[in-house]
């Protein structure tokens, strides 16, 4: 299997080490299989999700959400889950189509993960490019009350990132961390630290 596929597969939630899973702010509540249909996807068992959501949910196809398309695809409480997922799966982003091939070509089940919706209006985010020898902050997004104390909390946030990276495969990853107004630090997601060569290889393979 291509090395770039291994990098993608390794950061899907259920393949992450338990320590990393437990650090997540909003781990999946449940996941369901999907199948490829040309350039789109569909639920393998649509009847399983033909019911109202018990709480607001955010869907992610494999390791990619619909954020790149400009929408999160929130499934609000009381709304039929399938009625939202079906049109989302029929309009995957370019990144979702590209990365899905890692699952398809390796005969690994591709799933939609449904996470609880989190209001980020009071949550600041810090992103790191990290490996076991380096942890470099690459961006900060300040929001609400949490922004007031973030600068003072940066050493603690960085230490959190350093701890997480020690539990991941020995290569670069992008870590997105959430800093809450309560002072709590949680992991939003782990992304593969793809190099330009990785991206070129992924495009070639597709």
C-alpha atoms as a PDB file:
ATOM      1  CA  UNK A   1       0.000   0.000   0.000  1.00  0.00           C
ATOM      2  CA  UNK A   2       1.267   3.490  -0.848  1.00  0.00           C
ATOM      3  CA  UNK A   3       2.858   5.317   2.073  1.00  0.00           C
ATOM      4  CA  UNK A   4       0.598   8.329   1.583  1.00  0.00           C
ATOM      5  CA  UNK A   5      -2.428   6.052   2.007  1.00  0.00           C
ATOM      6  CA  UNK A   6      -0.978   4.766   5.275  1.00  0.00           C
ATOM      7  CA  UNK A   7      -0.648   8.335   6.552  1.00  0.00           C
ATOM      8  CA  UNK A   8      -4.296   9.045   5.800  1.00  0.00           C
ATOM      9  CA  UNK A   9      -5.674   5.814   7.216  1.00  0.00           C
ATOM     10  CA  UNK A  10      -3.660   6.154  10.427  1.00  0.00           C
ATOM     11  CA  UNK A  11      -5.422   9.314  11.590  1.00  0.00           C
ATOM     12  CA  UNK A  12      -9.017   8.116  11.283  1.00  0.00           C
ATOM     13  CA  UNK A  13     -10.463   8.328  14.789  1.00  0.00           C
ATOM     14  CA  UNK A  14     -10.781   4.607  15.554  1.00  0.00           C
ATOM     15  CA  UNK A  15      -7.191   3.936  14.472  1.00  0.00           C
ATOM     16  CA  UNK A  16      -5.766   6.522  16.842  1.00  0.00           C
ATOM     17  CA  UNK A  17      -4.247   5.321  20.132  1.00  0.00           C
ATOM     18  CA  UNK A  18      -6.666   5.301  23.082  1.00  0.00           C
ATOM     19  CA  UNK A  19      -4.807   8.167  24.765  1.00  0.00           C
ATOM     20  CA  UNK A  20      -5.355  10.350  21.697  1.00  0.00           C
ATOM     21  CA  UNK A  21      -8.993   9.314  21.333  1.00  0.00           C
ATOM     22  CA  UNK A  22      -9.701  10.278  24.939  1.00  0.00           C
ATOM     23  CA  UNK A  23      -8.176  13.734  24.389  1.00  0.00           C
ATOM     24  CA  UNK A  24     -10.766  14.641  21.717  1.00  0.00           C
ATOM     25  CA  UNK A  25     -13.258  17.397  22.394  1.00  0.00           C
ATOM     26  CA  UNK A  26     -16.027  15.720  20.398  1.00  0.00           C
ATOM     27  CA  UNK A  27     -15.337  12.076  19.502  1.00  0.00           C
ATOM     28  CA  UNK A  28     -17.795  10.336  17.151  1.00  0.00           C
ATOM     29  CA  UNK A  29     -21.030   9.181  18.724  1.00  0.00           C
ATOM     30  CA  UNK A  30     -21.451   6.590  15.989  1.00  0.00           C
ATOM     31  CA  UNK A  31     -20.179   5.795  12.495  1.00  0.00           C
ATOM     32  CA  UNK A  32     -21.857   4.225   9.485  1.00  0.00           C
ATOM     33  CA  UNK A  33     -20.414   2.677   6.293  1.00  0.00           C
ATOM     34  CA  UNK A  34     -20.696   4.332   2.906  1.00  0.00           C
ATOM     35  CA  UNK A  35     -20.029   3.145  -0.629  1.00  0.00           C
ATOM     36  CA  UNK A  36     -18.551   4.942  -3.591  1.00  0.00           C
ATOM     37  CA  UNK A  37     -20.873   5.679  -6.499  1.00  0.00           C
ATOM     38  CA  UNK A  38     -18.758   7.222  -9.263  1.00  0.00           C
ATOM     39  CA  UNK A  39     -17.649  10.609  -7.962  1.00  0.00           C
ATOM     40  CA  UNK A  40     -20.167  10.511  -5.128  1.00  0.00           C
ATOM     41  CA  UNK A  41     -21.005   8.309  -2.148  1.00  0.00           C
ATOM     42  CA  UNK A  42     -24.087   6.830  -0.560  1.00  0.00           C
ATOM     43  CA  UNK A  43     -25.028   5.195   2.727  1.00  0.00           C
ATOM     44  CA  UNK A  44     -24.601   1.417   2.691  1.00  0.00           C
ATOM     45  CA  UNK A  45     -27.641   0.991   4.958  1.00  0.00           C
ATOM     46  CA  UNK A  46     -29.705   4.180   4.566  1.00  0.00           C
ATOM     47  CA  UNK A  47     -32.621   2.898   6.629  1.00  0.00           C
ATOM     48  CA  UNK A  48     -30.408   2.919   9.742  1.00  0.00           C
ATOM     49  CA  UNK A  49     -30.298   6.718   9.668  1.00  0.00           C
ATOM     50  CA  UNK A  50     -33.831   7.390   8.503  1.00  0.00           C
ATOM     51  CA  UNK A  51     -34.836   8.931  11.834  1.00  0.00           C
ATOM     52  CA  UNK A  52     -34.531  12.259  13.694  1.00  0.00           C
ATOM     53  CA  UNK A  53     -31.257  13.153  15.393  1.00  0.00           C
ATOM     54  CA  UNK A  54     -31.332  13.008  19.190  1.00  0.00           C
ATOM     55  CA  UNK A  55     -28.902  15.936  19.294  1.00  0.00           C
ATOM     56  CA  UNK A  56     -27.114  18.218  16.852  1.00  0.00           C
ATOM     57  CA  UNK A  57     -24.425  16.373  14.873  1.00  0.00           C
ATOM     58  CA  UNK A  58     -21.492  17.163  12.590  1.00  0.00           C
ATOM     59  CA  UNK A  59     -20.646  14.598   9.867  1.00  0.00           C
ATOM     60  CA  UNK A  60     -17.184  13.728   8.590  1.00  0.00           C
ATOM     61  CA  UNK A  61     -16.413  11.425   5.651  1.00  0.00           C
ATOM     62  CA  UNK A  62     -13.374   9.406   6.695  1.00  0.00           C
ATOM     63  CA  UNK A  63     -11.017  12.108   7.980  1.00  0.00           C
ATOM     64  CA  UNK A  64     -12.515  15.051   6.068  1.00  0.00           C
ATOM     65  CA  UNK A  65     -15.529  17.177   6.906  1.00  0.00           C
ATOM     66  CA  UNK A  66     -17.515  19.276   4.424  1.00  0.00           C
ATOM     67  CA  UNK A  67     -15.861  22.440   5.791  1.00  0.00           C
ATOM     68  CA  UNK A  68     -13.894  22.961   2.549  1.00  0.00           C
ATOM     69  CA  UNK A  69     -17.183  23.450   0.708  1.00  0.00           C
ATOM     70  CA  UNK A  70     -18.134  26.345   2.986  1.00  0.00           C
ATOM     71  CA  UNK A  71     -20.713  24.383   4.989  1.00  0.00           C
ATOM     72  CA  UNK A  72     -20.379  22.199   8.070  1.00  0.00           C
ATOM     73  CA  UNK A  73     -23.441  20.144   7.243  1.00  0.00           C
ATOM     74  CA  UNK A  74     -24.869  20.411  10.747  1.00  0.00           C
ATOM     75  CA  UNK A  75     -27.665  17.946  11.410  1.00  0.00           C
ATOM     76  CA  UNK A  76     -29.775  19.715  14.007  1.00  0.00           C
ATOM     77  CA  UNK A  77     -31.659  17.972  16.781  1.00  0.00           C
ATOM     78  CA  UNK A  78     -34.981  16.644  15.536  1.00  0.00           C
ATOM     79  CA  UNK A  79     -33.967  16.703  11.863  1.00  0.00           C
ATOM     80  CA  UNK A  80     -33.957  13.438   9.906  1.00  0.00           C
ATOM     81  CA  UNK A  81     -30.307  12.369   9.676  1.00  0.00           C
ATOM     82  CA  UNK A  82     -30.581  10.745   6.270  1.00  0.00           C
ATOM     83  CA  UNK A  83     -32.272  13.822   4.768  1.00  0.00           C
ATOM     84  CA  UNK A  84     -29.077  15.793   5.426  1.00  0.00           C
ATOM     85  CA  UNK A  85     -26.491  13.090   4.776  1.00  0.00           C
ATOM     86  CA  UNK A  86     -27.841  11.957   1.409  1.00  0.00           C
ATOM     87  CA  UNK A  87     -27.323  15.344  -0.320  1.00  0.00           C
ATOM     88  CA  UNK A  88     -23.978  15.853   1.436  1.00  0.00           C
ATOM     89  CA  UNK A  89     -22.673  12.506   0.208  1.00  0.00           C
ATOM     90  CA  UNK A  90     -23.859  13.322  -3.308  1.00  0.00           C
ATOM     91  CA  UNK A  91     -21.691  16.473  -3.245  1.00  0.00           C
ATOM     92  CA  UNK A  92     -18.324  15.496  -1.723  1.00  0.00           C
ATOM     93  CA  UNK A  93     -15.508  18.029  -1.721  1.00  0.00           C
ATOM     94  CA  UNK A  94     -12.450  17.527  -3.924  1.00  0.00           C
ATOM     95  CA  UNK A  95     -10.390  16.738  -0.820  1.00  0.00           C
ATOM     96  CA  UNK A  96     -12.904  14.119   0.306  1.00  0.00           C
ATOM     97  CA  UNK A  97     -12.878  12.467  -3.121  1.00  0.00           C
ATOM     98  CA  UNK A  98      -9.094  12.472  -3.228  1.00  0.00           C
ATOM     99  CA  UNK A  99      -8.537  11.097   0.259  1.00  0.00           C
ATOM    100  CA  UNK A 100     -11.311   8.508   0.061  1.00  0.00           C
ATOM    101  CA  UNK A 101      -9.158   6.555  -2.371  1.00  0.00           C
ATOM    102  CA  UNK A 102      -6.920   5.517   0.524  1.00  0.00           C
ATOM    103  CA  UNK A 103      -9.859   3.533   1.909  1.00  0.00           C
ATOM    104  CA  UNK A 104     -11.178   2.323  -1.421  1.00  0.00           C
ATOM    105  CA  UNK A 105      -7.840   1.147  -2.842  1.00  0.00           C
ATOM    106  CA  UNK A 106      -6.842  -0.590   0.398  1.00  0.00           C
ATOM    107  CA  UNK A 107     -10.258  -2.282   0.742  1.00  0.00           C
ATOM    108  CA  UNK A 108     -10.781  -0.524   4.061  1.00  0.00           C
ATOM    109  CA  UNK A 109     -14.401   0.300   4.977  1.00  0.00           C
ATOM    110  CA  UNK A 110     -15.097   4.003   4.468  1.00  0.00           C
ATOM    111  CA  UNK A 111     -17.425   5.498   7.054  1.00  0.00           C
ATOM    112  CA  UNK A 112     -19.242   8.686   7.885  1.00  0.00           C
ATOM    113  CA  UNK A 113     -18.535   9.668  11.467  1.00  0.00           C
ATOM    114  CA  UNK A 114     -21.185  11.630  13.354  1.00  0.00           C
ATOM    115  CA  UNK A 115     -19.779  13.875  16.085  1.00  0.00           C
ATOM    116  CA  UNK A 116     -21.716  16.005  18.570  1.00  0.00           C
ATOM    117  CA  UNK A 117     -21.984  19.612  17.414  1.00  0.00           C
ATOM    118  CA  UNK A 118     -19.865  22.017  19.469  1.00  0.00           C
ATOM    119  CA  UNK A 119     -20.426  25.775  19.481  1.00  0.00           C
ATOM    120  CA  UNK A 120     -16.950  27.235  18.910  1.00  0.00           C
ATOM    121  CA  UNK A 121     -17.968  30.870  19.467  1.00  0.00           C
ATOM    122  CA  UNK A 122     -16.173  30.830  22.842  1.00  0.00           C
ATOM    123  CA  UNK A 123     -13.457  28.355  21.883  1.00  0.00           C
ATOM    124  CA  UNK A 124     -10.050  29.463  20.621  1.00  0.00           C
ATOM    125  CA  UNK A 125      -7.979  27.128  18.449  1.00  0.00           C
ATOM    126  CA  UNK A 126      -4.256  26.581  18.076  1.00  0.00           C
ATOM    127  CA  UNK A 127      -2.687  24.492  15.304  1.00  0.00           C
ATOM    128  CA  UNK A 128       0.704  22.821  15.498  1.00  0.00           C
ATOM    129  CA  UNK A 129       2.911  21.067  12.972  1.00  0.00           C
ATOM    130  CA  UNK A 130       4.553  18.462  15.163  1.00  0.00           C
ATOM    131  CA  UNK A 131       6.675  15.357  15.249  1.00  0.00           C
ATOM    132  CA  UNK A 132       8.447  13.675  18.147  1.00  0.00           C
ATOM    133  CA  UNK A 133      11.369  16.087  17.941  1.00  0.00           C
ATOM    134  CA  UNK A 134       9.603  19.358  17.137  1.00  0.00           C
ATOM    135  CA  UNK A 135       6.336  21.115  17.913  1.00  0.00           C
ATOM    136  CA  UNK A 136       5.847  24.288  15.884  1.00  0.00           C
ATOM    137  CA  UNK A 137       2.809  26.523  16.321  1.00  0.00           C
ATOM    138  CA  UNK A 138       1.453  27.463  12.874  1.00  0.00           C
ATOM    139  CA  UNK A 139      -1.784  29.350  13.580  1.00  0.00           C
ATOM    140  CA  UNK A 140      -4.061  30.735  16.283  1.00  0.00           C
ATOM    141  CA  UNK A 141      -7.764  31.566  16.043  1.00  0.00           C
ATOM    142  CA  UNK A 142      -9.033  33.698  18.960  1.00  0.00           C
ATOM    143  CA  UNK A 143     -12.693  33.556  19.947  1.00  0.00           C
ATOM    144  CA  UNK A 144     -14.822  34.913  22.780  1.00  0.00           C
ATOM    145  CA  UNK A 145     -13.818  34.814  26.426  1.00  0.00           C
ATOM    146  CA  UNK A 146     -11.183  32.149  25.869  1.00  0.00           C
ATOM    147  CA  UNK A 147      -9.102  34.636  23.846  1.00  0.00           C
ATOM    148  CA  UNK A 148      -8.339  36.715  26.953  1.00  0.00           C
ATOM    149  CA  UNK A 149      -6.263  34.012  28.628  1.00  0.00           C
ATOM    150  CA  UNK A 150      -4.866  32.157  25.640  1.00  0.00           C
ATOM    151  CA  UNK A 151      -1.460  33.841  25.539  1.00  0.00           C
ATOM    152  CA  UNK A 152      -0.766  32.935  29.166  1.00  0.00           C
ATOM    153  CA  UNK A 153      -1.948  29.382  28.485  1.00  0.00           C
ATOM    154  CA  UNK A 154       0.269  28.817  25.425  1.00  0.00           C
ATOM    155  CA  UNK A 155       3.014  26.909  27.327  1.00  0.00           C
ATOM    156  CA  UNK A 156       0.372  24.556  28.720  1.00  0.00           C
ATOM    157  CA  UNK A 157      -1.273  24.185  25.294  1.00  0.00           C
ATOM    158  CA  UNK A 158       2.091  23.426  23.690  1.00  0.00           C
ATOM    159  CA  UNK A 159       2.830  20.821  26.358  1.00  0.00           C
ATOM    160  CA  UNK A 160      -0.527  19.207  25.569  1.00  0.00           C
ATOM    161  CA  UNK A 161       0.450  19.014  21.885  1.00  0.00           C
ATOM    162  CA  UNK A 162       3.867  17.559  22.746  1.00  0.00           C
ATOM    163  CA  UNK A 163       2.187  14.859  24.831  1.00  0.00           C
ATOM    164  CA  UNK A 164      -0.231  13.953  22.023  1.00  0.00           C
ATOM    165  CA  UNK A 165       2.474  13.661  19.373  1.00  0.00           C
ATOM    166  CA  UNK A 166       4.405  11.128  21.451  1.00  0.00           C
ATOM    167  CA  UNK A 167       1.507   8.684  21.018  1.00  0.00           C
ATOM    168  CA  UNK A 168       1.284   9.019  17.222  1.00  0.00           C
ATOM    169  CA  UNK A 169       3.361   7.366  14.484  1.00  0.00           C
ATOM    170  CA  UNK A 170       6.864   8.781  14.240  1.00  0.00           C
ATOM    171  CA  UNK A 171       6.226  11.339  11.487  1.00  0.00           C
ATOM    172  CA  UNK A 172       4.765  14.836  11.163  1.00  0.00           C
ATOM    173  CA  UNK A 173       1.133  15.574  11.967  1.00  0.00           C
ATOM    174  CA  UNK A 174      -0.991  18.687  12.200  1.00  0.00           C
ATOM    175  CA  UNK A 175      -2.700  18.948  15.583  1.00  0.00           C
ATOM    176  CA  UNK A 176      -5.712  21.206  16.067  1.00  0.00           C
ATOM    177  CA  UNK A 177      -6.273  22.028  19.728  1.00  0.00           C
ATOM    178  CA  UNK A 178      -9.202  23.763  21.399  1.00  0.00           C
ATOM    179  CA  UNK A 179      -8.757  26.144  24.318  1.00  0.00           C
ATOM    180  CA  UNK A 180     -12.051  26.559  26.183  1.00  0.00           C
ATOM    181  CA  UNK A 181     -13.136  29.543  28.266  1.00  0.00           C
ATOM    182  CA  UNK A 182     -12.921  27.248  31.318  1.00  0.00           C
ATOM    183  CA  UNK A 183      -9.177  26.836  30.676  1.00  0.00           C
ATOM    184  CA  UNK A 184      -9.610  23.251  29.500  1.00  0.00           C
ATOM    185  CA  UNK A 185      -7.531  22.073  26.536  1.00  0.00           C
ATOM    186  CA  UNK A 186      -8.873  19.425  24.168  1.00  0.00           C
ATOM    187  CA  UNK A 187      -7.957  17.927  20.814  1.00  0.00           C
ATOM    188  CA  UNK A 188     -10.151  18.905  17.859  1.00  0.00           C
ATOM    189  CA  UNK A 189      -8.521  16.610  15.317  1.00  0.00           C
ATOM    190  CA  UNK A 190      -5.303  15.063  14.041  1.00  0.00           C
ATOM    191  CA  UNK A 191      -4.420  15.582  10.402  1.00  0.00           C
ATOM    192  CA  UNK A 192      -1.619  13.914   8.461  1.00  0.00           C
ATOM    193  CA  UNK A 193       1.283  16.237   7.828  1.00  0.00           C
ATOM    194  CA  UNK A 194       1.292  15.675   4.090  1.00  0.00           C
ATOM    195  CA  UNK A 195       4.295  16.965   2.182  1.00  0.00           C
ATOM    196  CA  UNK A 196       4.044  18.418  -1.354  1.00  0.00           C
ATOM    197  CA  UNK A 197       5.470  15.088  -2.527  1.00  0.00           C
ATOM    198  CA  UNK A 198       2.686  13.225  -0.677  1.00  0.00           C
ATOM    199  CA  UNK A 199       0.022  15.353  -2.328  1.00  0.00           C
ATOM    200  CA  UNK A 200       1.578  14.840  -5.756  1.00  0.00           C
ATOM    201  CA  UNK A 201       1.680  11.085  -5.132  1.00  0.00           C
ATOM    202  CA  UNK A 202      -1.941  11.078  -3.986  1.00  0.00           C
ATOM    203  CA  UNK A 203      -3.007  12.901  -7.141  1.00  0.00           C
ATOM    204  CA  UNK A 204      -0.960  10.527  -9.295  1.00  0.00           C
ATOM    205  CA  UNK A 205      -2.551   7.491  -7.673  1.00  0.00           C
ATOM    206  CA  UNK A 206      -5.989   8.886  -8.411  1.00  0.00           C
END
